[in-house]
Each structure stands twice: as C-alpha cells, then as structure tokens.
C-alpha cells in the first residue's frame, strides 16, 4: 500500500541511525590504548657542566 511507505522509510531510517550510533559508541568506548610508557625505561643523560 502506498500509504504505508513513508512509515516503512521512517522505520528503516531509525534502524540505520540506531545501528550507526551503536557502532560509533562501540568504536569510541572499546578502543584500548597500548601502555608504552611502562615498557620504556626513562634514562636521562646527566650533563656535568664544568665552568
């Protein structure tokens, strides 16, 4: 029925928006940072100034 087509398009649009929001939040919150500072030793070369 052509009268029901706008409702069908609206449901499809809402479905796509919900999937997009779910994927965006999954991508944002599920990202794990690799902690590279603990594996690296901080070595500073001390400079002896001789005036």
Protein backbone atom coordinates (compact mmCIF):
# COMPACT_ATOMS: atom_id res chain seq x y z
CA UNK A 1 0.00 0.00 0.00
CA UNK A 2 1.46 3.39 -0.90
CA UNK A 3 0.02 5.00 2.23
CA UNK A 4 2.26 2.85 4.43
CA UNK A 5 5.50 3.56 2.51
CA UNK A 6 6.51 6.70 4.49
CA UNK A 7 6.17 4.76 7.73
CA UNK A 8 8.33 2.00 6.32
CA UNK A 9 11.02 4.51 5.25
CA UNK A 10 10.92 6.13 8.68
CA UNK A 11 11.43 2.77 10.40
CA UNK A 12 14.32 1.98 8.07
CA UNK A 13 15.88 5.39 8.78
CA UNK A 14 15.54 4.91 12.54
CA UNK A 15 17.00 1.41 12.25
CA UNK A 16 20.04 2.73 10.37
CA UNK A 17 20.52 5.60 12.84
CA UNK A 18 20.41 3.19 15.78
CA UNK A 19 22.96 0.90 14.12
CA UNK A 20 25.20 3.89 13.34
CA UNK A 21 25.02 5.18 16.93
CA UNK A 22 25.74 1.69 18.27
CA UNK A 23 28.78 1.26 16.02
CA UNK A 24 30.09 4.75 16.80
CA UNK A 25 29.79 4.19 20.55
CA UNK A 26 31.35 0.74 20.23
CA UNK A 27 34.27 2.24 18.32
CA UNK A 28 34.68 5.04 20.88
CA UNK A 29 34.39 3.06 24.11
CA UNK A 30 36.01 -0.22 23.07
CA UNK A 31 39.31 1.36 21.99
CA UNK A 32 42.19 0.17 24.17
CA UNK A 33 45.28 2.30 24.48
CA UNK A 34 48.59 0.48 24.48
CA UNK A 35 50.58 1.50 27.51
CA UNK A 36 54.00 2.11 26.01
CA UNK A 37 55.37 4.15 28.94
CA UNK A 38 55.71 1.16 31.26
CA UNK A 39 57.79 -0.84 28.79
CA UNK A 40 60.21 2.00 28.14
CA UNK A 41 62.85 2.96 30.70
CA UNK A 42 63.31 6.66 31.21
CA UNK A 43 67.03 7.21 31.04
CA UNK A 44 68.28 10.73 31.29
CA UNK A 45 71.85 11.55 30.42
CA UNK A 46 73.19 13.82 33.11
CA UNK A 47 75.40 16.57 31.80
CA UNK A 48 78.23 17.68 34.07
CA UNK A 49 78.84 21.34 33.40
CA UNK A 50 82.41 22.41 34.04
CA UNK A 51 82.60 26.15 34.28
